[in-house]
mmCIF file of all heavy atoms, coordinates in Angstrom:
data_MODEL
# 
_entry.id   MODEL 
# 
loop_
_atom_site.group_PDB 
_atom_site.id 
_atom_site.type_symbol 
_atom_site.label_atom_id 
_atom_site.label_alt_id 
_atom_site.label_comp_id 
_atom_site.label_asym_id 
_atom_site.label_entity_id 
_atom_site.label_seq_id 
_atom_site.pdbx_PDB_ins_code 
_atom_site.Cartn_x 
_atom_site.Cartn_y 
_atom_site.Cartn_z 
_atom_site.occupancy 
_atom_site.B_iso_or_equiv 
_atom_site.pdbx_formal_charge 
_atom_site.auth_seq_id 
_atom_site.auth_comp_id 
_atom_site.auth_asym_id 
_atom_site.auth_atom_id 
_atom_site.pdbx_PDB_model_num 
ATOM 1   N N   . VAL A 1 1  ? 83.429  100.252 35.665 1.00 0.00 ? 1  VAL A N   1 
ATOM 2   C CA  . VAL A 1 1  ? 84.275  99.437  36.536 1.00 0.00 ? 1  VAL A CA  1 
ATOM 3   C C   . VAL A 1 1  ? 84.804  100.232 37.729 1.00 0.00 ? 1  VAL A C   1 
ATOM 4   O O   . VAL A 1 1  ? 84.874  99.716  38.850 1.00 0.00 ? 1  VAL A O   1 
ATOM 5   C CB  . VAL A 1 1  ? 85.459  98.854  35.720 1.00 0.00 ? 1  VAL A CB  1 
ATOM 6   C CG1 . VAL A 1 1  ? 86.385  98.055  36.618 1.00 0.00 ? 1  VAL A CG1 1 
ATOM 7   C CG2 . VAL A 1 1  ? 84.922  97.995  34.585 1.00 0.00 ? 1  VAL A CG2 1 
ATOM 8   N N   . ASP A 1 2  ? 85.175  101.496 37.516 1.00 0.00 ? 2  ASP A N   1 
ATOM 9   C CA  . ASP A 1 2  ? 85.808  102.303 38.558 1.00 0.00 ? 2  ASP A CA  1 
ATOM 10  C C   . ASP A 1 2  ? 85.223  103.709 38.537 1.00 0.00 ? 2  ASP A C   1 
ATOM 11  O O   . ASP A 1 2  ? 85.910  104.682 38.243 1.00 0.00 ? 2  ASP A O   1 
ATOM 12  C CB  . ASP A 1 2  ? 87.318  102.335 38.314 1.00 0.00 ? 2  ASP A CB  1 
ATOM 13  C CG  . ASP A 1 2  ? 88.084  103.013 39.433 1.00 0.00 ? 2  ASP A CG  1 
ATOM 14  O OD1 . ASP A 1 2  ? 87.589  103.030 40.574 1.00 0.00 ? 2  ASP A OD1 1 
ATOM 15  O OD2 . ASP A 1 2  ? 89.181  103.550 39.164 1.00 0.00 ? 2  ASP A OD2 1 
ATOM 16  N N   . PRO A 1 3  ? 83.929  103.857 38.858 1.00 0.00 ? 3  PRO A N   1 
ATOM 17  C CA  . PRO A 1 3  ? 83.249  105.142 38.646 1.00 0.00 ? 3  PRO A CA  1 
ATOM 18  C C   . PRO A 1 3  ? 83.803  106.271 39.497 1.00 0.00 ? 3  PRO A C   1 
ATOM 19  O O   . PRO A 1 3  ? 83.751  107.436 39.084 1.00 0.00 ? 3  PRO A O   1 
ATOM 20  C CB  . PRO A 1 3  ? 81.795  104.840 39.013 1.00 0.00 ? 3  PRO A CB  1 
ATOM 21  C CG  . PRO A 1 3  ? 81.851  103.654 39.914 1.00 0.00 ? 3  PRO A CG  1 
ATOM 22  C CD  . PRO A 1 3  ? 83.014  102.848 39.403 1.00 0.00 ? 3  PRO A CD  1 
ATOM 23  N N   . LEU A 1 4  ? 84.314  105.995 40.678 1.00 0.00 ? 4  LEU A N   1 
ATOM 24  C CA  . LEU A 1 4  ? 84.817  107.045 41.553 1.00 0.00 ? 4  LEU A CA  1 
ATOM 25  C C   . LEU A 1 4  ? 86.330  107.210 41.460 1.00 0.00 ? 4  LEU A C   1 
ATOM 26  O O   . LEU A 1 4  ? 86.921  107.959 42.243 1.00 0.00 ? 4  LEU A O   1 
ATOM 27  C CB  . LEU A 1 4  ? 84.417  106.756 43.003 1.00 0.00 ? 4  LEU A CB  1 
ATOM 28  C CG  . LEU A 1 4  ? 82.906  106.751 43.269 1.00 0.00 ? 4  LEU A CG  1 
ATOM 29  C CD1 . LEU A 1 4  ? 82.635  106.461 44.733 1.00 0.00 ? 4  LEU A CD1 1 
ATOM 30  C CD2 . LEU A 1 4  ? 82.275  108.080 42.862 1.00 0.00 ? 4  LEU A CD2 1 
ATOM 31  N N   . GLY A 1 5  ? 86.958  106.530 40.523 1.00 0.00 ? 5  GLY A N   1 
ATOM 32  C CA  . GLY A 1 5  ? 88.398  106.693 40.319 1.00 0.00 ? 5  GLY A CA  1 
ATOM 33  C C   . GLY A 1 5  ? 89.228  106.204 41.488 1.00 0.00 ? 5  GLY A C   1 
ATOM 34  O O   . GLY A 1 5  ? 90.240  106.819 41.845 1.00 0.00 ? 5  GLY A O   1 
ATOM 35  N N   . MET A 1 6  ? 88.848  105.074 42.071 1.00 0.00 ? 6  MET A N   1 
ATOM 36  C CA  . MET A 1 6  ? 89.591  104.530 43.206 1.00 0.00 ? 6  MET A CA  1 
ATOM 37  C C   . MET A 1 6  ? 90.816  103.744 42.756 1.00 0.00 ? 6  MET A C   1 
ATOM 38  O O   . MET A 1 6  ? 91.891  103.858 43.361 1.00 0.00 ? 6  MET A O   1 
ATOM 39  C CB  . MET A 1 6  ? 88.674  103.641 44.046 1.00 0.00 ? 6  MET A CB  1 
ATOM 40  C CG  . MET A 1 6  ? 87.488  104.357 44.652 1.00 0.00 ? 6  MET A CG  1 
ATOM 41  S SD  . MET A 1 6  ? 86.296  103.237 45.430 1.00 0.00 ? 6  MET A SD  1 
ATOM 42  C CE  . MET A 1 6  ? 87.290  102.537 46.744 1.00 0.00 ? 6  MET A CE  1 
ATOM 43  N N   . ALA A 1 7  ? 90.665  102.937 41.713 1.00 0.00 ? 7  ALA A N   1 
ATOM 44  C CA  . ALA A 1 7  ? 91.735  102.030 41.314 1.00 0.00 ? 7  ALA A CA  1 
ATOM 45  C C   . ALA A 1 7  ? 92.666  102.632 40.267 1.00 0.00 ? 7  ALA A C   1 
ATOM 46  O O   . ALA A 1 7  ? 93.892  102.452 40.341 1.00 0.00 ? 7  ALA A O   1 
ATOM 47  C CB  . ALA A 1 7  ? 91.132  100.733 40.780 1.00 0.00 ? 7  ALA A CB  1 
ATOM 48  N N   . ALA A 1 8  ? 92.107  103.338 39.288 1.00 0.00 ? 8  ALA A N   1 
ATOM 49  C CA  . ALA A 1 8  ? 92.919  103.810 38.159 1.00 0.00 ? 8  ALA A CA  1 
ATOM 50  C C   . ALA A 1 8  ? 94.106  104.672 38.589 1.00 0.00 ? 8  ALA A C   1 
ATOM 51  O O   . ALA A 1 8  ? 95.232  104.461 38.115 1.00 0.00 ? 8  ALA A O   1 
ATOM 52  C CB  . ALA A 1 8  ? 92.033  104.563 37.166 1.00 0.00 ? 8  ALA A CB  1 
ATOM 53  N N   . PRO A 1 9  ? 93.952  105.662 39.486 1.00 0.00 ? 9  PRO A N   1 
ATOM 54  C CA  . PRO A 1 9  ? 95.120  106.468 39.863 1.00 0.00 ? 9  PRO A CA  1 
ATOM 55  C C   . PRO A 1 9  ? 96.218  105.649 40.531 1.00 0.00 ? 9  PRO A C   1 
ATOM 56  O O   . PRO A 1 9  ? 97.404  105.928 40.329 1.00 0.00 ? 9  PRO A O   1 
ATOM 57  C CB  . PRO A 1 9  ? 94.529  107.501 40.844 1.00 0.00 ? 9  PRO A CB  1 
ATOM 58  C CG  . PRO A 1 9  ? 93.079  107.547 40.533 1.00 0.00 ? 9  PRO A CG  1 
ATOM 59  C CD  . PRO A 1 9  ? 92.716  106.163 40.114 1.00 0.00 ? 9  PRO A CD  1 
ATOM 60  N N   . ILE A 1 10 ? 95.836  104.636 41.304 1.00 0.00 ? 10 ILE A N   1 
ATOM 61  C CA  . ILE A 1 10 ? 96.845  103.811 41.966 1.00 0.00 ? 10 ILE A CA  1 
ATOM 62  C C   . ILE A 1 10 ? 97.590  102.957 40.944 1.00 0.00 ? 10 ILE A C   1 
ATOM 63  O O   . ILE A 1 10 ? 98.819  102.787 41.019 1.00 0.00 ? 10 ILE A O   1 
ATOM 64  C CB  . ILE A 1 10 ? 96.174  102.941 43.047 1.00 0.00 ? 10 ILE A CB  1 
ATOM 65  C CG1 . ILE A 1 10 ? 95.578  103.844 44.142 1.00 0.00 ? 10 ILE A CG1 1 
ATOM 66  C CG2 . ILE A 1 10 ? 97.167  101.961 43.650 1.00 0.00 ? 10 ILE A CG2 1 
ATOM 67  C CD1 . ILE A 1 10 ? 94.739  103.120 45.160 1.00 0.00 ? 10 ILE A CD1 1 
ATOM 68  N N   . ILE A 1 11 ? 96.861  102.425 39.954 1.00 0.00 ? 11 ILE A N   1 
ATOM 69  C CA  . ILE A 1 11 ? 97.503  101.671 38.872 1.00 0.00 ? 11 ILE A CA  1 
ATOM 70  C C   . ILE A 1 11 ? 98.453  102.571 38.090 1.00 0.00 ? 11 ILE A C   1 
ATOM 71  O O   . ILE A 1 11 ? 99.582  102.181 37.760 1.00 0.00 ? 11 ILE A O   1 
ATOM 72  C CB  . ILE A 1 11 ? 96.438  101.055 37.946 1.00 0.00 ? 11 ILE A CB  1 
ATOM 73  C CG1 . ILE A 1 11 ? 95.628  99.993  38.711 1.00 0.00 ? 11 ILE A CG1 1 
ATOM 74  C CG2 . ILE A 1 11 ? 97.077  100.451 36.701 1.00 0.00 ? 11 ILE A CG2 1 
ATOM 75  C CD1 . ILE A 1 11 ? 94.436  99.471  37.946 1.00 0.00 ? 11 ILE A CD1 1 
ATOM 76  N N   . HIS A 1 12 ? 98.008  103.798 37.822 1.00 0.00 ? 12 HIS A N   1 
ATOM 77  C CA  . HIS A 1 12 ? 98.873  104.749 37.110 1.00 0.00 ? 12 HIS A CA  1 
ATOM 78  C C   . HIS A 1 12 ? 100.148 105.022 37.900 1.00 0.00 ? 12 HIS A C   1 
ATOM 79  O O   . HIS A 1 12 ? 101.242 105.153 37.320 1.00 0.00 ? 12 HIS A O   1 
ATOM 80  C CB  . HIS A 1 12 ? 98.116  106.053 36.866 1.00 0.00 ? 12 HIS A CB  1 
ATOM 81  C CG  . HIS A 1 12 ? 96.975  105.927 35.911 1.00 0.00 ? 12 HIS A CG  1 
ATOM 82  N ND1 . HIS A 1 12 ? 95.966  106.866 35.807 1.00 0.00 ? 12 HIS A ND1 1 
ATOM 83  C CD2 . HIS A 1 12 ? 96.668  104.957 35.014 1.00 0.00 ? 12 HIS A CD2 1 
ATOM 84  C CE1 . HIS A 1 12 ? 95.097  106.472 34.901 1.00 0.00 ? 12 HIS A CE1 1 
ATOM 85  N NE2 . HIS A 1 12 ? 95.510  105.322 34.397 1.00 0.00 ? 12 HIS A NE2 1 
ATOM 86  N N   . ALA A 1 13 ? 100.019 105.133 39.236 1.00 0.00 ? 13 ALA A N   1 
ATOM 87  C CA  . ALA A 1 13 ? 101.202 105.383 40.064 1.00 0.00 ? 13 ALA A CA  1 
ATOM 88  C C   . ALA A 1 13 ? 102.181 104.218 39.993 1.00 0.00 ? 13 ALA A C   1 
ATOM 89  O O   . ALA A 1 13 ? 103.399 104.418 39.871 1.00 0.00 ? 13 ALA A O   1 
ATOM 90  C CB  . ALA A 1 13 ? 100.779 105.638 41.511 1.00 0.00 ? 13 ALA A CB  1 
ATOM 91  N N   . HIS A 1 14 ? 101.677 102.978 40.047 1.00 0.00 ? 14 HIS A N   1 
ATOM 92  C CA  . HIS A 1 14 ? 102.556 101.810 39.925 1.00 0.00 ? 14 HIS A CA  1 
ATOM 93  C C   . HIS A 1 14 ? 103.273 101.789 38.580 1.00 0.00 ? 14 HIS A C   1 
ATOM 94  O O   . HIS A 1 14 ? 104.487 101.530 38.507 1.00 0.00 ? 14 HIS A O   1 
ATOM 95  C CB  . HIS A 1 14 ? 101.741 100.521 40.105 1.00 0.00 ? 14 HIS A CB  1 
ATOM 96  C CG  . HIS A 1 14 ? 101.426 100.203 41.535 1.00 0.00 ? 14 HIS A CG  1 
ATOM 97  N ND1 . HIS A 1 14 ? 100.365 100.748 42.195 1.00 0.00 ? 14 HIS A ND1 1 
ATOM 98  C CD2 . HIS A 1 14 ? 102.047 99.375  42.422 1.00 0.00 ? 14 HIS A CD2 1 
ATOM 99  C CE1 . HIS A 1 14 ? 100.328 100.282 43.436 1.00 0.00 ? 14 HIS A CE1 1 
ATOM 100 N NE2 . HIS A 1 14 ? 101.337 99.450  43.596 1.00 0.00 ? 14 HIS A NE2 1 
ATOM 101 N N   . LEU A 1 15 ? 102.522 102.061 37.518 1.00 0.00 ? 15 LEU A N   1 
ATOM 102 C CA  . LEU A 1 15 ? 103.142 102.063 36.185 1.00 0.00 ? 15 LEU A CA  1 
ATOM 103 C C   . LEU A 1 15 ? 104.183 103.173 36.060 1.00 0.00 ? 15 LEU A C   1 
ATOM 104 O O   . LEU A 1 15 ? 105.221 102.990 35.407 1.00 0.00 ? 15 LEU A O   1 
ATOM 105 C CB  . LEU A 1 15 ? 102.051 102.222 35.121 1.00 0.00 ? 15 LEU A CB  1 
ATOM 106 C CG  . LEU A 1 15 ? 101.055 101.055 35.006 1.00 0.00 ? 15 LEU A CG  1 
ATOM 107 C CD1 . LEU A 1 15 ? 99.960  101.391 34.003 1.00 0.00 ? 15 LEU A CD1 1 
ATOM 108 C CD2 . LEU A 1 15 ? 101.775 99.768  34.614 1.00 0.00 ? 15 LEU A CD2 1 
ATOM 109 N N   . ALA A 1 16 ? 103.895 104.324 36.693 1.00 0.00 ? 16 ALA A N   1 
ATOM 110 C CA  . ALA A 1 16 ? 104.851 105.438 36.626 1.00 0.00 ? 16 ALA A CA  1 
ATOM 111 C C   . ALA A 1 16 ? 106.161 105.065 37.305 1.00 0.00 ? 16 ALA A C   1 
ATOM 112 O O   . ALA A 1 16 ? 107.257 105.373 36.793 1.00 0.00 ? 16 ALA A O   1 
ATOM 113 C CB  . ALA A 1 16 ? 104.247 106.682 37.274 1.00 0.00 ? 16 ALA A CB  1 
ATOM 114 N N   . TRP A 1 17 ? 106.097 104.373 38.449 1.00 0.00 ? 17 TRP A N   1 
ATOM 115 C CA  . TRP A 1 17 ? 107.339 103.973 39.116 1.00 0.00 ? 17 TRP A CA  1 
ATOM 116 C C   . TRP A 1 17 ? 108.098 102.927 38.290 1.00 0.00 ? 17 TRP A C   1 
ATOM 117 O O   . TRP A 1 17 ? 109.335 102.964 38.214 1.00 0.00 ? 17 TRP A O   1 
ATOM 118 C CB  . TRP A 1 17 ? 107.035 103.412 40.506 1.00 0.00 ? 17 TRP A CB  1 
ATOM 119 C CG  . TRP A 1 17 ? 106.864 104.478 41.551 1.00 0.00 ? 17 TRP A CG  1 
ATOM 120 C CD1 . TRP A 1 17 ? 105.735 104.821 42.221 1.00 0.00 ? 17 TRP A CD1 1 
ATOM 121 C CD2 . TRP A 1 17 ? 107.881 105.364 42.020 1.00 0.00 ? 17 TRP A CD2 1 
ATOM 122 N NE1 . TRP A 1 17 ? 105.978 105.861 43.088 1.00 0.00 ? 17 TRP A NE1 1 
ATOM 123 C CE2 . TRP A 1 17 ? 107.299 106.207 42.982 1.00 0.00 ? 17 TRP A CE2 1 
ATOM 124 C CE3 . TRP A 1 17 ? 109.239 105.529 41.725 1.00 0.00 ? 17 TRP A CE3 1 
ATOM 125 C CZ2 . TRP A 1 17 ? 108.001 107.199 43.646 1.00 0.00 ? 17 TRP A CZ2 1 
ATOM 126 C CZ3 . TRP A 1 17 ? 109.962 106.517 42.391 1.00 0.00 ? 17 TRP A CZ3 1 
ATOM 127 C CH2 . TRP A 1 17 ? 109.346 107.347 43.340 1.00 0.00 ? 17 TRP A CH2 1 
ATOM 128 N N   . LEU A 1 18 ? 107.375 102.010 37.650 1.00 0.00 ? 18 LEU A N   1 
ATOM 129 C CA  . LEU A 1 18 ? 108.045 101.010 36.809 1.00 0.00 ? 18 LEU A CA  1 
ATOM 130 C C   . LEU A 1 18 ? 108.731 101.665 35.616 1.00 0.00 ? 18 LEU A C   1 
ATOM 131 O O   . LEU A 1 18 ? 109.739 101.147 35.111 1.00 0.00 ? 18 LEU A O   1 
ATOM 132 C CB  . LEU A 1 18 ? 107.032 99.973  36.328 1.00 0.00 ? 18 LEU A CB  1 
ATOM 133 C CG  . LEU A 1 18 ? 106.475 99.045  37.415 1.00 0.00 ? 18 LEU A CG  1 
ATOM 134 C CD1 . LEU A 1 18 ? 105.406 98.127  36.823 1.00 0.00 ? 18 LEU A CD1 1 
ATOM 135 C CD2 . LEU A 1 18 ? 107.605 98.222  38.057 1.00 0.00 ? 18 LEU A CD2 1 
ATOM 136 N N   . ALA A 1 19 ? 108.212 102.792 35.186 1.00 0.00 ? 19 ALA A N   1 
ATOM 137 C CA  . ALA A 1 19 ? 108.816 103.508 34.058 1.00 0.00 ? 19 ALA A CA  1 
ATOM 138 C C   . ALA A 1 19 ? 110.001 104.373 34.483 1.00 0.00 ? 19 ALA A C   1 
ATOM 139 O O   . ALA A 1 19 ? 110.671 104.965 33.634 1.00 0.00 ? 19 ALA A O   1 
ATOM 140 C CB  . ALA A 1 19 ? 107.761 104.378 33.369 1.00 0.00 ? 19 ALA A CB  1 
ATOM 141 N N   . HIS A 1 20 ? 110.258 104.478 35.790 1.00 0.00 ? 20 HIS A N   1 
ATOM 142 C CA  . HIS A 1 20 ? 111.374 105.295 36.299 1.00 0.00 ? 20 HIS A CA  1 
ATOM 143 C C   . HIS A 1 20 ? 112.193 104.450 37.275 1.00 0.00 ? 20 HIS A C   1 
ATOM 144 O O   . HIS A 1 20 ? 112.154 104.666 38.493 1.00 0.00 ? 20 HIS A O   1 
ATOM 145 C CB  . HIS A 1 20 ? 110.850 106.561 36.989 1.00 0.00 ? 20 HIS A CB  1 
ATOM 146 C CG  . HIS A 1 20 ? 110.158 107.511 36.066 1.00 0.00 ? 20 HIS A CG  1 
ATOM 147 N ND1 . HIS A 1 20 ? 108.857 107.336 35.657 1.00 0.00 ? 20 HIS A ND1 1 
ATOM 148 C CD2 . HIS A 1 20 ? 110.612 108.654 35.455 1.00 0.00 ? 20 HIS A CD2 1 
ATOM 149 C CE1 . HIS A 1 20 ? 108.510 108.334 34.850 1.00 0.00 ? 20 HIS A CE1 1 
ATOM 150 N NE2 . HIS A 1 20 ? 109.556 109.125 34.705 1.00 0.00 ? 20 HIS A NE2 1 
ATOM 151 N N   . PRO A 1 21 ? 112.943 103.468 36.777 1.00 0.00 ? 21 PRO A N   1 
ATOM 152 C CA  . PRO A 1 21 ? 113.655 102.530 37.664 1.00 0.00 ? 21 PRO A CA  1 
ATOM 153 C C   . PRO A 1 21 ? 114.720 103.202 38.528 1.00 0.00 ? 21 PRO A C   1 
ATOM 154 O O   . PRO A 1 21 ? 114.959 102.765 39.650 1.00 0.00 ? 21 PRO A O   1 
ATOM 155 C CB  . PRO A 1 21 ? 114.274 101.527 36.685 1.00 0.00 ? 21 PRO A CB  1 
ATOM 156 C CG  . PRO A 1 21 ? 114.307 102.235 35.367 1.00 0.00 ? 21 PRO A CG  1 
ATOM 157 C CD  . PRO A 1 21 ? 113.128 103.154 35.357 1.00 0.00 ? 21 PRO A CD  1 
ATOM 158 N N   . GLN A 1 22 ? 115.371 104.258 38.023 1.00 0.00 ? 22 GLN A N   1 
ATOM 159 C CA  . GLN A 1 22 ? 116.415 104.899 38.827 1.00 0.00 ? 22 GLN A CA  1 
ATOM 160 C C   . GLN A 1 22 ? 115.809 105.567 40.059 1.00 0.00 ? 22 GLN A C   1 
ATOM 161 O O   . GLN A 1 22 ? 116.306 105.404 41.181 1.00 0.00 ? 22 GLN A O   1 
ATOM 162 C CB  . GLN A 1 22 ? 117.165 105.931 37.993 1.00 0.00 ? 22 GLN A CB  1 
ATOM 163 C CG  . GLN A 1 22 ? 118.285 106.627 38.782 1.00 0.00 ? 22 GLN A CG  1 
ATOM 164 C CD  . GLN A 1 22 ? 119.090 107.586 37.920 1.00 0.00 ? 22 GLN A CD  1 
ATOM 165 O OE1 . GLN A 1 22 ? 119.025 107.532 36.706 1.00 0.00 ? 22 GLN A OE1 1 
ATOM 166 N NE2 . GLN A 1 22 ? 119.847 108.460 38.554 1.00 0.00 ? 22 GLN A NE2 1 
ATOM 167 N N   . GLU A 1 23 ? 114.728 106.314 39.853 1.00 0.00 ? 23 GLU A N   1 
ATOM 168 C CA  . GLU A 1 23 ? 114.059 106.965 40.988 1.00 0.00 ? 23 GLU A CA  1 
ATOM 169 C C   . GLU A 1 23 ? 113.515 105.921 41.963 1.00 0.00 ? 23 GLU A C   1 
ATOM 170 O O   . GLU A 1 23 ? 113.569 106.108 43.184 1.00 0.00 ? 23 GLU A O   1 
ATOM 171 C CB  . GLU A 1 23 ? 112.931 107.872 40.495 1.00 0.00 ? 23 GLU A CB  1 
ATOM 172 C CG  . GLU A 1 23 ? 113.391 109.126 39.770 1.00 0.00 ? 23 GLU A CG  1 
ATOM 173 C CD  . GLU A 1 23 ? 113.650 108.868 38.286 1.00 0.00 ? 23 GLU A CD  1 
ATOM 174 O OE1 . GLU A 1 23 ? 113.655 107.686 37.894 1.00 0.00 ? 23 GLU A OE1 1 
ATOM 175 O OE2 . GLU A 1 23 ? 113.841 109.855 37.549 1.00 0.00 ? 23 GLU A OE2 1 
ATOM 176 N N   . LEU A 1 24 ? 113.017 104.793 41.419 1.00 0.00 ? 24 LEU A N   1 
ATOM 177 C CA  . LEU A 1 24 ? 112.504 103.727 42.283 1.00 0.00 ? 24 LEU A CA  1 
ATOM 178 C C   . LEU A 1 24 ? 113.625 103.133 43.128 1.00 0.00 ? 24 LEU A C   1 
ATOM 179 O O   . LEU A 1 24 ? 113.441 102.877 44.332 1.00 0.00 ? 24 LEU A O   1 
ATOM 180 C CB  . LEU A 1 24 ? 111.854 102.639 41.425 1.00 0.00 ? 24 LEU A CB  1 
ATOM 181 C CG  . LEU A 1 24 ? 111.273 101.434 42.178 1.00 0.00 ? 24 LEU A CG  1 
ATOM 182 C CD1 . LEU A 1 24 ? 110.196 101.870 43.162 1.00 0.00 ? 24 LEU A CD1 1 
ATOM 183 C CD2 . LEU A 1 24 ? 110.708 100.406 41.179 1.00 0.00 ? 24 LEU A CD2 1 
ATOM 184 N N   . ALA A 1 25 ? 114.774 102.943 42.526 1.00 0.00 ? 25 ALA A N   1 
ATOM 185 C CA  . ALA A 1 25 ? 115.912 102.397 43.276 1.00 0.00 ? 25 ALA A CA  1 
ATOM 186 C C   . ALA A 1 25 ? 116.336 103.351 44.383 1.00 0.00 ? 25 ALA A C   1 
ATOM 187 O O   . ALA A 1 25 ? 116.659 102.926 45.510 1.00 0.00 ? 25 ALA A O   1 
ATOM 188 C CB  . ALA A 1 25 ? 117.079 102.136 42.325 1.00 0.00 ? 25 ALA A CB  1 
# 
């Protein structure tokens, strides 16, 4: 689905921000 790793790192970044609401705020 994502052989060159284009989408997965960006999805990981979104999930990481959702897991850190204070830093996101």
